[in-house]
């Protein structure tokens, strides 16, 4: 038989256990002393020898009864509240079920209405708000970028204002004059003042307010000396106030223009503080905003003018219609291609500090290598580099300038009578003197440090809501056409692979495969604009995908016998 394990311990082990137990008890007693925890003493009750013992006992019983009654009342109140909540929740659930049932019946109509009401970012809502500003304003300020003033002018808007017949005035505001050489600004002022009264202006890109004060306290590196300075605001304010006195009423001044020309920043400069939101991205202002300068003048901020898609790639790129983040990389590359082709090549090389390049693709690859924008394997990231370049050109980073036309040819809607009507009520001599003082007060870049640029002329815009084509429908048509093209390509590949018998036929197949990047999009024969756009995209994609010196390079795909 197996014996049980013995419970005998060595003396050393036993004494050790006893010592630990004693230490534990000592620790518990110390903690109890600190807490001051004592056993609750029993209630001795009322002694029998005490007088009025019976009365005291009755009072104690009455107190107990009152406490119990209070507890019961509280319990009943809680139950009633719970029942009320349950009933309300049941009613809400029933209402939601009814709404869902009704919504399923009339889902199409309700969805269409809600989309129309809620979608503030749509092009139609932008046009609607712009027309509100034009109808409500007595004076319209068309803001132009001094680097490309002719490209920022919209003939449709100017025609709508001049031919409205409501004694509306149109003023041109030449903004960002600090980015253009001095001689060039004087030329443009002399050119534009023959058509409309023109004001030279340099707006503040960043105004100090409460939030900015907090930023400056936290970060000492932020410098507002250049960004918070503005010139030409006194001249413009005086001009508007003098016109308001001639009208004997409070005037409303609408500020309109293409994206990123500085509409909201001009209002902030006139107000002297941040009244409107400002940003580099397009579409920050989505609706009409009113800002009171004084009792006589009220400013109306408007969303941007939407450029017509029939414009050239250069106009669409510089007017920020091609959004670098949201749009397709092919559109961004096409925009950068158009910009580089319309600039002086040597000045672009000097500005970016890169060697000579043959085409825009090589320019982007050299710039990406210089700035360290590389993909896996050290391949230059051309797409992201193109987005950065486009952001630089649409923002206020790059200093470029365009020359005014050689001869003055006003548009057909601007007759001599209309020009006289627009100039009536303004003191043009004082305006010319104040413009010269603002130009003299600013620091201008030299022509050597800025890039010479060829303007593409006026940019057509869509003002009427009926003529706007939403992007969703366009993308739907594009996707269907792309699917058809892919099906055609698959059929071509199958037919080619069946006939691969000889080496000569293999070489023919490879030539056709190389030419695939220049896809041919099917267009109706009557649409000239679509045909021109397809030719542009075809030439661009072919130039981007085709390597340089293809005839001299060895083709590893072919089998030479």
Protein backbone atom coordinates (compact mmCIF):
# COMPACT_ATOMS: atom_id res chain seq x y z
CA UNK A 1 0.00 0.00 0.00
CA UNK A 2 1.12 3.52 -0.82
CA UNK A 3 1.67 5.78 2.14
CA UNK A 4 0.28 9.30 2.35
CA UNK A 5 2.71 12.15 1.90
CA UNK A 6 4.03 13.32 5.21
CA UNK A 7 3.01 16.81 6.45
CA UNK A 8 6.17 17.27 8.45
CA UNK A 9 8.20 20.35 7.59
CA UNK A 10 11.72 21.40 8.32
CA UNK A 11 12.04 23.90 11.17
CA UNK A 12 13.49 26.55 8.84
CA UNK A 13 10.45 26.39 6.55
CA UNK A 14 7.95 26.39 9.42
CA UNK A 15 9.50 29.43 11.12
CA UNK A 16 9.57 31.26 7.81
CA UNK A 17 5.82 30.70 7.30
CA UNK A 18 5.02 31.87 10.80
CA UNK A 19 7.12 35.02 10.28
CA UNK A 20 5.25 35.88 7.08
CA UNK A 21 1.90 35.38 8.82
CA UNK A 22 2.95 37.71 11.65
CA UNK A 23 4.05 40.38 9.14
CA UNK A 24 0.76 40.08 7.28
CA UNK A 25 -1.28 40.55 10.49
CA UNK A 26 0.83 43.56 11.47
CA UNK A 27 0.21 45.13 8.03
CA UNK A 28 -3.57 44.59 8.31
CA UNK A 29 -3.63 46.16 11.80
CA UNK A 30 -1.68 49.24 10.55
CA UNK A 31 -4.13 49.78 7.65
CA UNK A 32 -7.09 49.42 10.02
CA UNK A 33 -5.60 52.05 12.33
CA UNK A 34 -5.09 54.45 9.42
CA UNK A 35 -8.68 54.03 8.25
CA UNK A 36 -9.98 54.35 11.81
CA UNK A 37 -12.45 51.55 11.18
CA UNK A 38 -14.13 50.35 14.35
CA UNK A 39 -16.91 47.89 14.98
CA UNK A 40 -20.35 49.57 15.09
CA UNK A 41 -21.68 49.70 18.58
CA UNK A 42 -25.11 48.27 19.21
CA UNK A 43 -27.93 50.67 20.02
CA UNK A 44 -28.50 50.23 23.77
CA UNK A 45 -32.07 51.45 23.40
CA UNK A 46 -34.02 53.51 25.87
CA UNK A 47 -33.45 52.50 29.44
CA UNK A 48 -36.52 51.36 31.35
CA UNK A 49 -35.94 53.93 34.09
CA UNK A 50 -36.10 56.86 31.59
CA UNK A 51 -39.21 59.09 31.72
CA UNK A 52 -41.59 59.25 28.70
CA UNK A 53 -40.25 55.94 27.38
CA UNK A 54 -43.50 54.97 25.68
CA UNK A 55 -43.78 58.31 23.85
CA UNK A 56 -40.21 58.04 22.56
CA UNK A 57 -40.86 54.54 21.25
CA UNK A 58 -44.02 55.74 19.42
CA UNK A 59 -42.09 58.57 17.76
CA UNK A 60 -39.43 56.13 16.61
CA UNK A 61 -42.09 53.85 15.09
CA UNK A 62 -43.75 56.81 13.33
CA UNK A 63 -40.40 57.81 11.80
CA UNK A 64 -39.93 54.29 10.47
CA UNK A 65 -43.39 54.35 8.91
CA UNK A 66 -42.74 57.71 7.22
CA UNK A 67 -39.47 56.47 5.72
CA UNK A 68 -41.17 53.37 4.35
CA UNK A 69 -43.97 55.48 2.83
CA UNK A 70 -41.41 57.78 1.16
CA UNK A 71 -39.59 54.79 -0.29
CA UNK A 72 -42.82 53.38 -1.70
CA UNK A 73 -43.81 56.73 -3.25
CA UNK A 74 -40.36 57.04 -4.91
CA UNK A 75 -40.71 53.52 -6.24
CA UNK A 76 -44.14 54.28 -7.77
CA UNK A 77 -42.82 57.51 -9.37
CA UNK A 78 -39.94 55.60 -10.96
CA UNK A 79 -42.30 53.01 -12.37
CA UNK A 80 -44.54 55.75 -13.87
CA UNK A 81 -41.52 57.45 -15.55
CA UNK A 82 -40.40 54.13 -17.01
CA UNK A 83 -43.90 53.52 -18.42
CA UNK A 84 -43.99 57.01 -20.00
CA UNK A 85 -40.60 56.44 -21.65
CA UNK A 86 -41.73 53.08 -23.01
CA UNK A 87 -44.88 54.63 -24.48
CA UNK A 88 -42.89 57.45 -26.14
CA UNK A 89 -40.40 54.99 -27.63
CA UNK A 90 -43.25 52.84 -28.95
CA UNK A 91 -44.84 55.92 -30.60
CA UNK A 92 -41.50 56.92 -32.18
CA UNK A 93 -40.93 53.42 -33.54
CA UNK A 94 -44.44 53.37 -35.02
CA UNK A 95 -43.84 56.77 -36.67
CA UNK A 96 -40.52 55.66 -38.18
CA UNK A 97 -42.13 52.48 -39.53
CA UNK A 98 -44.89 54.57 -41.15
CA UNK A 99 -42.34 56.97 -42.68
CA UNK A 100 -40.33 54.09 -44.11
CA UNK A 101 -43.47 52.58 -45.61
CA UNK A 102 -44.47 55.91 -47.17
CA UNK A 103 -40.88 56.56 -48.31
CA UNK A 104 -40.74 53.28 -50.22
CA UNK A 105 -43.88 54.25 -52.15
CA UNK A 106 -42.61 57.70 -53.22
CA UNK A 107 -38.83 57.10 -53.09
CA UNK A 108 -37.91 58.50 -56.50
CA UNK A 109 -39.61 61.88 -56.08
CA UNK A 110 -38.42 62.50 -52.52
CA UNK A 111 -34.82 61.51 -53.29
CA UNK A 112 -34.68 63.89 -56.25
CA UNK A 113 -35.99 66.79 -54.17
CA UNK A 114 -33.60 66.20 -51.26
CA UNK A 115 -30.62 65.97 -53.59
CA UNK A 116 -31.56 69.29 -55.21
CA UNK A 117 -31.95 70.95 -51.82
CA UNK A 118 -28.87 69.54 -50.11
CA UNK A 119 -26.24 69.47 -52.88
CA UNK A 120 -24.58 72.89 -52.38
CA UNK A 121 -21.37 71.83 -54.16
CA UNK A 122 -23.10 71.34 -57.53
CA UNK A 123 -22.34 73.65 -60.42
CA UNK A 124 -26.01 74.64 -60.78
CA UNK A 125 -26.16 75.94 -57.20
CA UNK A 126 -22.97 77.97 -57.86
CA UNK A 127 -24.60 79.55 -60.94
CA UNK A 128 -27.81 80.24 -59.00
CA UNK A 129 -25.90 82.05 -56.23
CA UNK A 130 -23.81 83.98 -58.77
CA UNK A 131 -26.96 85.22 -60.54
CA UNK A 132 -28.37 86.33 -57.16
CA UNK A 133 -25.24 88.45 -56.58
CA UNK A 134 -25.41 89.99 -60.09
CA UNK A 135 -29.11 90.86 -59.71
CA UNK A 136 -28.73 92.34 -56.20
CA UNK A 137 -25.57 94.43 -56.78
CA UNK A 138 -25.38 98.02 -58.05
CA UNK A 139 -21.62 97.83 -58.74
CA UNK A 140 -19.90 94.61 -59.86
CA UNK A 141 -16.18 94.10 -59.16
CA UNK A 142 -14.61 91.62 -61.58
CA UNK A 143 -11.41 90.40 -59.91
CA UNK A 144 -8.50 89.62 -62.26
CA UNK A 145 -5.20 87.91 -61.54
CA UNK A 146 -2.46 90.39 -62.54
CA UNK A 147 -0.34 87.51 -63.89
CA UNK A 148 -2.95 86.69 -66.57
CA UNK A 149 -5.61 89.45 -66.62
CA UNK A 150 -7.01 88.60 -70.04
CA UNK A 151 -7.44 84.93 -69.09
CA UNK A 152 -9.42 85.92 -65.97
CA UNK A 153 -11.96 87.97 -67.92
CA UNK A 154 -15.31 86.30 -68.64
CA UNK A 155 -17.09 87.75 -71.72
CA UNK A 156 -20.45 86.21 -70.72
CA UNK A 157 -20.37 87.94 -67.32
CA UNK A 158 -19.31 91.30 -68.75
CA UNK A 159 -22.04 91.11 -71.38
CA UNK A 160 -24.67 90.24 -68.72
CA UNK A 161 -23.68 93.27 -66.59
CA UNK A 162 -23.29 95.81 -69.39
CA UNK A 163 -26.49 94.77 -71.19
CA UNK A 164 -28.64 94.47 -68.01
CA UNK A 165 -29.95 98.04 -68.42
CA UNK A 166 -30.35 98.66 -64.68
CA UNK A 167 -27.62 101.35 -64.40
CA UNK A 168 -25.17 98.69 -63.13
CA UNK A 169 -21.46 99.52 -63.16
CA UNK A 170 -18.58 97.12 -63.78
CA UNK A 171 -15.13 97.73 -62.25
CA UNK A 172 -11.99 95.66 -62.87
CA UNK A 173 -9.78 94.92 -59.84
CA UNK A 174 -6.24 93.89 -60.79
CA UNK A 175 -5.24 91.72 -57.81
CA UNK A 176 -1.84 90.12 -56.92
CA UNK A 177 0.17 92.99 -58.44
CA UNK A 178 3.11 92.11 -56.15
CA UNK A 179 3.80 88.98 -58.27
CA UNK A 180 4.28 90.88 -61.56
CA UNK A 181 7.05 93.26 -62.77
CA UNK A 182 6.29 96.97 -62.46
CA UNK A 183 6.42 97.78 -66.20
CA UNK A 184 3.99 94.96 -66.98
CA UNK A 185 1.41 96.25 -64.45
CA UNK A 186 1.57 99.77 -65.93
CA UNK A 187 1.01 98.33 -69.42
CA UNK A 188 -2.03 96.34 -68.27
CA UNK A 189 -3.51 99.32 -66.40
CA UNK A 190 -3.18 101.47 -69.54
CA UNK A 191 -4.77 98.70 -71.64
CA UNK A 192 -7.72 97.89 -69.33
CA UNK A 193 -8.68 101.46 -68.35
CA UNK A 194 -9.75 102.12 -71.97
CA UNK A 195 -12.59 99.58 -71.52
CA UNK A 196 -13.51 99.65 -67.80
CA UNK A 197 -12.32 101.62 -64.71
CA UNK A 198 -9.45 99.51 -63.29
CA UNK A 199 -8.08 99.47 -59.72
CA UNK A 200 -4.60 98.12 -58.84
CA UNK A 201 -4.82 95.99 -55.69
CA UNK A 202 -2.72 93.77 -53.45
CA UNK A 203 -4.93 91.86 -51.01
CA UNK A 204 -3.97 90.37 -47.66
CA UNK A 205 -3.90 86.59 -47.93
CA UNK A 206 -4.02 86.08 -44.14
CA UNK A 207 -5.86 88.49 -41.82
CA UNK A 208 -5.22 88.63 -38.07
CA UNK A 209 -8.19 87.74 -35.88
CA UNK A 210 -8.71 85.94 -32.55
CA UNK A 211 -7.72 82.56 -33.96
CA UNK A 212 -4.59 84.02 -35.56
CA UNK A 213 -3.55 85.61 -32.26
CA UNK A 214 -3.67 82.19 -30.63
CA UNK A 215 -1.58 80.70 -33.44
CA UNK A 216 1.09 83.38 -33.08
CA UNK A 217 1.34 82.74 -29.34
CA UNK A 218 1.79 79.03 -29.83
CA UNK A 219 4.10 79.18 -32.85
CA UNK A 220 6.60 81.98 -32.93
CA UNK A 221 7.76 81.09 -36.48
CA UNK A 222 4.55 82.30 -38.18
CA UNK A 223 5.24 85.67 -39.84
CA UNK A 224 2.28 87.82 -40.92
CA UNK A 225 4.33 90.80 -42.12
CA UNK A 226 3.96 90.04 -45.85
CA UNK A 227 0.68 88.09 -45.82
CA UNK A 228 -1.29 90.65 -43.75
CA UNK A 229 -0.24 93.74 -45.80
CA UNK A 230 -2.71 95.11 -48.34
CA UNK A 231 -2.52 98.01 -50.84
CA UNK A 232 -5.19 99.77 -52.88
CA UNK A 233 -8.01 99.36 -50.35
CA UNK A 234 -8.28 103.12 -49.64
CA UNK A 235 -8.47 103.90 -53.35
CA UNK A 236 -11.24 101.34 -53.95
CA UNK A 237 -13.21 102.40 -50.85
CA UNK A 238 -13.04 106.08 -51.85
CA UNK A 239 -14.18 105.21 -55.37
CA UNK A 240 -17.20 103.26 -54.09
CA UNK A 241 -18.13 105.91 -51.50
CA UNK A 242 -18.01 108.71 -54.10
CA UNK A 243 -20.26 106.69 -56.41
CA UNK A 244 -22.66 106.04 -53.49
CA UNK A 245 -22.93 109.81 -52.85
CA UNK A 246 -23.89 110.43 -56.48
CA UNK A 247 -26.65 107.80 -56.20
CA UNK A 248 -27.99 109.18 -52.86
CA UNK A 249 -28.59 105.68 -51.50
CA UNK A 250 -26.80 102.71 -49.93
CA UNK A 251 -25.11 100.66 -52.66
CA UNK A 252 -24.45 96.92 -52.87
CA UNK A 253 -21.13 95.84 -54.39
CA UNK A 254 -20.85 92.30 -55.79
CA UNK A 255 -17.42 90.65 -56.05
CA UNK A 256 -17.17 88.06 -58.85
CA UNK A 257 -14.42 86.19 -60.69
CA UNK A 258 -12.86 82.83 -61.47
CA UNK A 259 -11.49 80.55 -58.70
CA UNK A 260 -8.36 81.60 -56.75
CA UNK A 261 -8.24 85.20 -58.02
CA UNK A 262 -8.72 86.56 -54.47
CA UNK A 263 -12.39 87.60 -54.18
CA UNK A 264 -12.84 86.87 -50.47
CA UNK A 265 -9.39 88.23 -49.57
CA UNK A 266 -10.28 91.58 -51.22
CA UNK A 267 -13.39 91.83 -49.01
CA UNK A 268 -11.26 90.99 -45.94
CA UNK A 269 -8.76 93.70 -46.92
CA UNK A 270 -11.52 96.30 -47.33
CA UNK A 271 -13.08 95.31 -44.01
CA UNK A 272 -9.69 95.29 -42.21
CA UNK A 273 -10.34 91.93 -40.55
CA UNK A 274 -11.24 88.37 -41.46
CA UNK A 275 -14.91 88.47 -42.49
CA UNK A 276 -14.93 85.72 -45.17
CA UNK A 277 -13.29 82.31 -45.25
CA UNK A 278 -10.21 82.10 -47.49
CA UNK A 279 -8.44 79.00 -48.85
CA UNK A 280 -6.16 77.72 -51.63
CA UNK A 281 -8.69 75.09 -52.71
CA UNK A 282 -11.48 76.07 -55.10
CA UNK A 283 -15.08 76.32 -53.91
CA UNK A 284 -14.53 77.69 -50.39
CA UNK A 285 -17.35 80.24 -50.90
CA UNK A 286 -20.47 78.24 -51.77
CA UNK A 287 -23.22 80.84 -51.38
CA UNK A 288 -23.82 84.60 -51.33
CA UNK A 289 -22.36 86.29 -48.21
CA UNK A 290 -23.03 89.88 -47.15
CA UNK A 291 -20.38 92.00 -45.37
CA UNK A 292 -21.21 95.56 -44.19
CA UNK A 293 -18.31 97.98 -44.71
CA UNK A 294 -20.27 101.03 -43.51
CA UNK A 295 -23.80 102.44 -43.64
CA UNK A 296 -23.56 103.25 -47.34
CA UNK A 297 -21.69 100.22 -48.78
CA UNK A 298 -22.45 96.53 -48.50
CA UNK A 299 -20.18 93.86 -50.06
CA UNK A 300 -21.61 90.66 -51.58
CA UNK A 301 -19.22 87.69 -51.83
CA UNK A 302 -20.10 85.15 -54.53
CA UNK A 303 -19.01 81.63 -55.54
CA UNK A 304 -16.60 81.28 -58.47
CA UNK A 305 -17.53 81.49 -62.12
CA UNK A 306 -17.64 78.03 -63.73
CA UNK A 307 -15.49 77.86 -66.86
CA UNK A 308 -16.94 76.26 -69.95
CA UNK A 309 -15.40 72.82 -70.73
CA UNK A 310 -14.91 73.92 -74.36
CA UNK A 311 -11.99 76.18 -73.25
CA UNK A 312 -8.40 75.21 -73.96
CA UNK A 313 -6.44 73.01 -71.55
CA UNK A 314 -4.30 76.01 -70.56
CA UNK A 315 -7.34 78.08 -69.55
CA UNK A 316 -8.86 75.19 -67.60
CA UNK A 317 -5.57 74.49 -65.80
CA UNK A 318 -4.87 78.09 -64.72
CA UNK A 319 -8.47 78.86 -63.75
CA UNK A 320 -8.29 75.96 -61.25
CA UNK A 321 -11.10 74.03 -62.92
CA UNK A 322 -8.74 71.03 -63.11
CA UNK A 323 -8.66 70.14 -59.41
CA UNK A 324 -5.28 68.48 -58.64
CA UNK A 325 -6.66 66.25 -55.88
CA UNK A 326 -10.07 65.34 -57.28
CA UNK A 327 -9.52 65.12 -61.04
CA UNK A 328 -7.93 62.38 -63.12
CA UNK A 329 -4.14 62.30 -63.49
CA UNK A 330 -4.45 62.53 -67.31
CA UNK A 331 -6.24 65.91 -66.99
CA UNK A 332 -3.57 67.19 -64.59
CA UNK A 333 -0.77 66.07 -66.92
CA UNK A 334 -2.54 67.73 -69.85
CA UNK A 335 -2.83 70.98 -67.89
CA UNK A 336 0.85 70.97 -66.90
CA UNK A 337 1.79 70.14 -70.49
CA UNK A 338 -0.15 73.20 -71.74
CA UNK A 339 1.41 75.49 -69.10
CA UNK A 340 5.01 74.43 -69.84
CA UNK A 341 4.47 74.74 -73.61
CA UNK A 342 3.21 78.34 -73.20
CA UNK A 343 6.22 79.47 -71.11
CA UNK A 344 9.79 80.46 -71.85
CA UNK A 345 11.82 77.27 -71.52
CA UNK A 346 15.01 78.95 -70.24
CA UNK A 347 13.12 80.85 -67.52
CA UNK A 348 11.41 77.64 -66.37
CA UNK A 349 14.83 75.95 -66.15
CA UNK A 350 16.21 78.89 -64.17
CA UNK A 351 13.23 79.01 -61.80
CA UNK A 352 13.19 75.29 -61.00
CA UNK A 353 17.00 74.95 -61.25
CA UNK A 354 16.91 71.90 -63.54
CA UNK A 355 18.87 71.01 -66.72
CA UNK A 356 17.54 71.15 -70.27
CA UNK A 357 14.49 68.97 -71.05
CA UNK A 358 12.89 67.87 -74.31
CA UNK A 359 9.22 67.57 -73.29
CA UNK A 360 6.99 68.18 -70.21
CA UNK A 361 7.30 64.52 -69.16
CA UNK A 362 11.09 64.83 -68.91
CA UNK A 363 10.65 68.14 -67.04
CA UNK A 364 8.41 66.43 -64.43
CA UNK A 365 10.78 63.46 -64.06
CA UNK A 366 13.81 65.75 -63.54
CA UNK A 367 11.91 67.82 -60.99
CA UNK A 368 10.69 64.71 -59.15
CA UNK A 369 14.27 63.36 -58.93
CA UNK A 370 15.50 66.71 -57.62
CA UNK A 371 12.82 66.93 -54.92
CA UNK A 372 13.04 63.24 -53.98
CA UNK A 373 9.54 62.23 -55.12
CA UNK A 374 10.28 58.64 -56.12
CA UNK A 375 8.28 55.43 -56.27
CA UNK A 376 9.56 51.93 -55.57
CA UNK A 377 12.73 51.16 -57.47
CA UNK A 378 13.70 54.84 -57.77
CA UNK A 379 11.12 55.60 -60.50
CA UNK A 380 10.15 59.33 -60.47
CA UNK A 381 6.56 59.96 -59.33
CA UNK A 382 5.39 62.06 -62.29
CA UNK A 383 1.67 62.15 -61.36
CA UNK A 384 2.14 63.62 -57.87
CA UNK A 385 4.80 66.00 -59.19
CA UNK A 386 2.33 67.27 -61.81
CA UNK A 387 -0.24 67.94 -59.06
CA UNK A 388 2.33 69.97 -57.09
CA UNK A 389 3.35 72.00 -60.15
CA UNK A 390 -0.30 72.77 -60.95
CA UNK A 391 -0.93 73.87 -57.34
CA UNK A 392 2.10 76.20 -57.54
CA UNK A 393 0.83 77.83 -60.73
CA UNK A 394 -2.80 78.24 -59.59
CA UNK A 395 -1.70 79.58 -56.17
CA UNK A 396 0.47 82.61 -55.44
CA UNK A 397 3.87 80.88 -55.39
CA UNK A 398 5.14 81.29 -58.93
CA UNK A 399 5.76 84.77 -60.35
CA UNK A 400 4.83 84.82 -64.02
CA UNK A 401 3.47 87.54 -66.28
CA UNK A 402 1.77 87.89 -69.67
CA UNK A 403 1.96 90.76 -72.14
CA UNK A 404 -1.17 92.72 -73.16
CA UNK A 405 -2.30 92.46 -76.81
CA UNK A 406 -0.50 94.67 -79.32
CA UNK A 407 -3.61 96.50 -80.52
CA UNK A 408 -6.78 97.48 -78.64
CA UNK A 409 -9.80 95.57 -79.95
CA UNK A 410 -12.76 95.73 -77.54
CA UNK A 411 -15.26 92.83 -77.62
CA UNK A 412 -18.44 93.27 -79.72
CA UNK A 413 -20.70 93.92 -76.69
CA UNK A 414 -18.52 96.92 -75.65
CA UNK A 415 -19.47 99.88 -77.83
CA UNK A 416 -18.22 103.43 -77.22
CA UNK A 417 -21.58 104.29 -75.63
CA UNK A 418 -21.33 101.36 -73.18
CA UNK A 419 -17.74 102.31 -72.24
CA UNK A 420 -18.87 105.89 -71.52
CA UNK A 421 -21.77 104.57 -69.39
CA UNK A 422 -19.45 102.36 -67.35
CA UNK A 423 -17.00 105.24 -66.72
CA UNK A 424 -19.74 107.69 -65.75
CA UNK A 425 -19.90 108.58 -62.03
CA UNK A 426 -16.21 107.80 -61.30
CA UNK A 427 -13.32 110.25 -60.97
CA UNK A 428 -10.86 108.61 -63.36
CA UNK A 429 -8.05 111.16 -62.91
CA UNK A 430 -7.86 110.53 -59.14
CA UNK A 431 -8.08 106.79 -59.79
CA UNK A 432 -5.08 106.93 -62.15
CA UNK A 433 -2.98 108.88 -59.62
CA UNK A 434 -3.83 106.52 -56.75
CA UNK A 435 -3.05 103.49 -58.92
CA UNK A 436 0.41 104.90 -59.65
CA UNK A 437 1.04 105.48 -55.91
CA UNK A 438 0.04 101.88 -55.04
CA UNK A 439 2.29 100.52 -57.80
CA UNK A 440 5.21 102.64 -56.55
CA UNK A 441 4.69 101.59 -52.90
CA UNK A 442 5.05 97.85 -53.60
CA UNK A 443 8.13 95.71 -54.17
CA UNK A 444 7.92 94.05 -57.58
CA UNK A 445 9.94 91.12 -58.95
CA UNK A 446 12.36 91.76 -61.78
CA UNK A 447 11.54 90.35 -65.25
CA UNK A 448 14.60 88.07 -64.98
CA UNK A 449 13.29 86.37 -61.81
CA UNK A 450 9.74 85.87 -63.19
CA UNK A 451 8.54 83.67 -66.05
CA UNK A 452 7.24 85.11 -69.34
CA UNK A 453 3.93 83.55 -70.32
CA UNK A 454 1.67 83.54 -73.41
CA UNK A 455 -1.97 84.14 -72.50
CA UNK A 456 -4.74 82.15 -74.18
CA UNK A 457 -7.19 85.09 -74.23
CA UNK A 458 -10.54 85.43 -72.48
CA UNK A 459 -12.00 82.38 -70.73
CA UNK A 460 -15.60 81.49 -71.55
CA UNK A 461 -17.82 80.86 -68.54
CA UNK A 462 -21.32 79.51 -67.89
CA UNK A 463 -23.54 81.85 -65.86
CA UNK A 464 -27.02 80.54 -66.65
CA UNK A 465 -28.18 77.52 -64.65
CA UNK A 466 -29.81 75.82 -67.67
CA UNK A 467 -26.54 75.64 -69.63
CA UNK A 468 -24.55 73.91 -66.87
CA UNK A 469 -23.59 70.27 -67.48
CA UNK A 470 -23.10 68.39 -64.21
CA UNK A 471 -19.98 66.23 -63.80
CA UNK A 472 -21.95 63.12 -62.86
CA UNK A 473 -23.60 62.77 -66.27
CA UNK A 474 -20.27 63.39 -68.02
CA UNK A 475 -18.53 60.73 -65.96
CA UNK A 476 -21.34 58.27 -66.72
CA UNK A 477 -20.90 58.79 -70.47
CA UNK A 478 -17.12 58.52 -70.15
CA UNK A 479 -17.38 55.21 -68.27
CA UNK A 480 -19.71 53.68 -70.88
CA UNK A 481 -17.39 54.75 -73.71
CA UNK A 482 -14.38 53.32 -71.85
CA UNK A 483 -16.13 49.96 -71.38
CA UNK A 484 -16.92 49.80 -75.12
CA UNK A 485 -13.28 50.56 -75.96
CA UNK A 486 -12.04 47.81 -73.63
CA UNK A 487 -14.38 45.27 -75.26
CA UNK A 488 -13.08 46.26 -78.72
CA UNK A 489 -9.46 45.89 -77.55
CA UNK A 490 -10.15 42.42 -76.13
CA UNK A 491 -11.65 41.32 -79.48
CA UNK A 492 -8.59 42.67 -81.33
CA UNK A 493 -6.23 40.76 -79.00
CA UNK A 494 -8.10 37.49 -79.55
CA UNK A 495 -7.97 37.83 -83.35
CA UNK A 496 -4.25 38.69 -83.22
CA UNK A 497 -3.32 35.77 -80.95
CA UNK A 498 -4.98 33.22 -83.32
CA UNK A 499 -2.80 34.30 -86.26
CA UNK A 500 0.58 34.17 -84.45
CA UNK A 501 2.37 31.66 -86.67
CA UNK A 502 5.36 33.47 -88.20
CA UNK A 503 7.89 35.93 -86.79
CA UNK A 504 6.76 38.66 -89.19
CA UNK A 505 3.20 38.44 -87.88
CA UNK A 506 4.50 38.58 -84.26
CA UNK A 507 6.32 41.84 -85.02
CA UNK A 508 3.13 43.34 -86.48
CA UNK A 509 1.20 42.43 -83.33
CA UNK A 510 3.82 44.11 -81.12
CA UNK A 511 3.66 47.32 -83.16
CA UNK A 512 -0.09 47.47 -82.69
CA UNK A 513 0.31 46.87 -78.95
CA UNK A 514 2.80 49.73 -78.67
CA UNK A 515 0.38 52.08 -80.36
CA UNK A 516 -2.40 51.21 -77.88
CA UNK A 517 -1.72 54.08 -75.41
CA UNK A 518 -3.14 56.53 -77.97
CA UNK A 519 -6.73 55.29 -77.72
CA UNK A 520 -9.26 56.55 -80.23
CA UNK A 521 -12.49 57.70 -78.58
CA UNK A 522 -15.61 57.45 -80.71
CA UNK A 523 -17.18 60.89 -81.23
CA UNK A 524 -20.09 62.13 -83.36
CA UNK A 525 -18.95 63.67 -86.66
CA UNK A 526 -20.66 67.04 -86.06
CA UNK A 527 -19.02 67.90 -82.66
CA UNK A 528 -15.84 69.85 -83.44
CA UNK A 529 -15.06 70.66 -79.81
CA UNK A 530 -15.07 67.00 -78.74
CA UNK A 531 -12.89 66.12 -81.72
CA UNK A 532 -10.33 68.78 -80.73
CA UNK A 533 -10.35 67.62 -77.09
CA UNK A 534 -9.81 64.00 -78.14
CA UNK A 535 -6.89 64.98 -80.37
CA UNK A 536 -5.30 66.82 -77.43
CA UNK A 537 -5.70 63.88 -75.06
CA UNK A 538 -4.54 61.40 -77.73
CA UNK A 539 -1.36 63.36 -78.45
CA UNK A 540 -0.63 63.84 -74.74
CA UNK A 541 -1.14 60.22 -73.75
CA UNK A 542 0.98 59.08 -76.69
CA UNK A 543 3.80 61.47 -75.73
CA UNK A 544 3.66 60.34 -72.09
CA UNK A 545 3.58 56.58 -72.69
CA UNK A 546 6.01 56.40 -75.62
CA UNK A 547 9.69 56.28 -74.54
CA UNK A 548 12.26 58.59 -76.09
CA UNK A 549 14.36 57.25 -79.05
CA UNK A 550 12.20 54.14 -79.49
CA UNK A 551 13.75 53.27 -82.87
CA UNK A 552 17.27 53.12 -81.42
CA UNK A 553 16.33 51.10 -78.31
CA UNK A 554 16.53 47.30 -78.30
CA UNK A 555 13.11 45.62 -78.10
CA UNK A 556 13.28 42.66 -75.69
CA UNK A 557 9.76 41.42 -76.55
CA UNK A 558 10.62 40.45 -80.14
CA UNK A 559 12.27 37.17 -81.08
CA UNK A 560 15.04 37.67 -83.64
CA UNK A 561 15.91 34.53 -85.67
